[in-house]
Protein backbone atom coordinates (compact mmCIF):
# COMPACT_ATOMS: atom_id res chain seq x y z
CA MET A 1 38.34 49.25 -38.68
CA ALA A 2 37.57 45.66 -39.71
CA LEU A 3 41.02 44.60 -38.46
CA GLN A 4 40.25 46.03 -35.01
CA GLN A 5 37.08 43.93 -34.87
CA LEU A 6 38.99 40.81 -35.92
CA LYS A 7 41.62 41.40 -33.21
CA LYS A 8 38.88 40.98 -30.59
CA ASP A 9 38.07 37.45 -31.78
CA PRO A 10 39.98 34.93 -29.59
CA SER A 11 39.51 32.13 -32.14
CA ILE A 12 41.82 33.74 -34.70
CA ILE A 13 45.41 34.90 -34.99
CA ILE A 14 46.40 37.96 -37.00
CA THR A 15 50.01 38.03 -38.12
CA LYS A 16 52.28 39.05 -40.97
CA ALA A 17 53.06 36.48 -43.64
CA ASP A 18 56.61 35.10 -43.54
CA LYS A 19 57.96 36.22 -46.89
CA VAL A 20 55.72 39.10 -48.00
CA ASN A 21 54.41 42.23 -46.37
CA ILE A 22 50.77 41.22 -45.98
CA THR A 23 48.58 40.57 -42.96
CA THR A 24 47.11 37.11 -42.57
CA VAL A 25 44.14 35.96 -40.51
CA LEU A 26 44.40 32.36 -39.30
CA ASP A 27 42.19 30.05 -37.31
CA LYS A 28 43.93 29.77 -33.90
CA GLU A 29 43.27 26.05 -33.46
CA TRP A 30 44.62 25.27 -36.96
CA TYR A 31 47.66 27.49 -36.33
CA ASP A 32 48.44 25.88 -32.96
CA ASN A 33 48.11 22.38 -34.46
CA LYS A 34 50.40 23.33 -37.35
CA ILE A 35 53.05 24.79 -35.02
CA ASN A 36 52.90 21.74 -32.74
CA LYS A 37 53.18 19.35 -35.68
CA MET A 38 56.24 21.19 -36.98
CA ARG A 39 57.81 21.35 -33.52
CA ASP A 40 57.29 17.62 -32.95
CA ASP A 41 58.93 16.68 -36.27
CA GLU A 42 62.27 15.40 -34.94
CA GLU A 43 63.49 14.60 -38.46
CA THR A 44 63.49 18.30 -39.36
CA TYR A 45 63.77 20.24 -36.09
CA LYS A 46 65.75 19.91 -32.92
CA PRO A 47 65.27 21.72 -29.57
CA LEU A 48 67.71 24.50 -28.79
CA LYS A 49 69.34 24.68 -25.38
CA THR A 50 69.31 28.49 -25.41
CA ASN A 51 67.78 31.30 -27.43
CA PRO A 52 70.40 32.22 -30.07
CA THR A 53 69.12 35.75 -30.74
CA ALA A 54 71.65 37.67 -28.63
CA SER A 55 74.72 35.69 -29.73
CA THR A 56 73.69 35.78 -33.39
CA THR A 57 73.16 39.55 -33.15
CA GLU A 58 76.63 39.94 -31.64
CA ASP A 59 78.22 37.78 -34.36
CA VAL A 60 76.51 39.71 -37.17
CA ASN A 61 77.52 43.07 -35.72
CA LYS A 62 81.15 41.93 -35.29
CA PHE A 63 81.17 40.78 -38.91
CA ILE A 64 79.85 44.17 -40.04
CA ASN A 65 82.48 45.96 -37.91
CA ASN A 66 85.19 43.87 -39.59
CA LEU A 67 83.85 44.87 -43.02
CA LEU A 68 83.89 48.52 -41.97
CA GLU A 69 87.41 48.33 -40.54
CA SER A 70 88.71 46.74 -43.74
CA ASN A 71 87.00 49.48 -45.80
CA GLU A 72 84.78 46.98 -47.59
CA ILE A 73 81.65 48.91 -46.62
CA THR A 74 80.96 52.53 -45.71
CA LYS A 75 80.06 53.80 -42.26
CA GLU A 76 76.54 54.51 -43.56
CA ALA A 77 76.21 50.93 -44.83
CA SER A 78 77.42 49.51 -41.51
CA PHE A 79 74.86 51.62 -39.67
CA ARG A 80 72.08 50.27 -41.89
CA LEU A 81 73.23 46.66 -41.59
CA LYS A 82 73.81 46.46 -37.85
CA ILE A 83 71.17 44.81 -35.70
CA SER A 84 70.09 46.96 -32.78
CA ASP A 85 66.78 45.58 -31.56
CA ALA A 86 66.60 41.87 -32.28
CA THR A 87 63.85 40.03 -30.43
CA THR A 88 62.27 36.62 -30.55
CA PRO A 89 59.17 36.81 -32.73
CA PRO A 90 56.14 37.27 -30.44
CA ASP A 91 54.14 34.52 -32.14
CA TYR A 92 56.69 31.92 -31.04
CA THR A 93 57.44 32.93 -27.46
CA ASP A 94 54.91 30.43 -26.11
CA TYR A 95 56.89 27.60 -27.67
CA GLN A 96 60.32 26.25 -26.88
CA ASN A 97 63.03 27.40 -29.25
CA TYR A 98 63.51 25.01 -32.13
CA THR A 99 65.74 25.13 -35.17
CA LYS A 100 65.91 23.17 -38.39
CA LYS A 101 68.60 20.54 -38.49
CA THR A 102 71.15 21.77 -40.98
CA SER A 103 73.67 18.99 -41.35
CA LEU A 104 73.82 15.24 -41.46
CA SER A 105 75.87 15.25 -38.26
CA ASP A 106 73.02 16.73 -36.17
CA PRO A 107 71.65 14.13 -33.76
């Protein structure tokens, strides 16, 4: 009931924490500033030309199919591992897609 009341407050954001299964309540202005600061950090992040969700999903599912075909995993395991409903996290859809730079050769 308290969560429903909090959801009505436009000055806060309610979301799940990144690494644990808990709900967090954040000040919206602080959250927006934090996201913008991270996004603008060109030493760590670079803009993506396209959203990689669909192609990454396809690559993962192909990899799982290969494991199944080579009998390295069971059909049940492949069913559990395959991605069927990947979406861009809703909290980030208002921002351009960014990714961390992962190698020294990234511009």
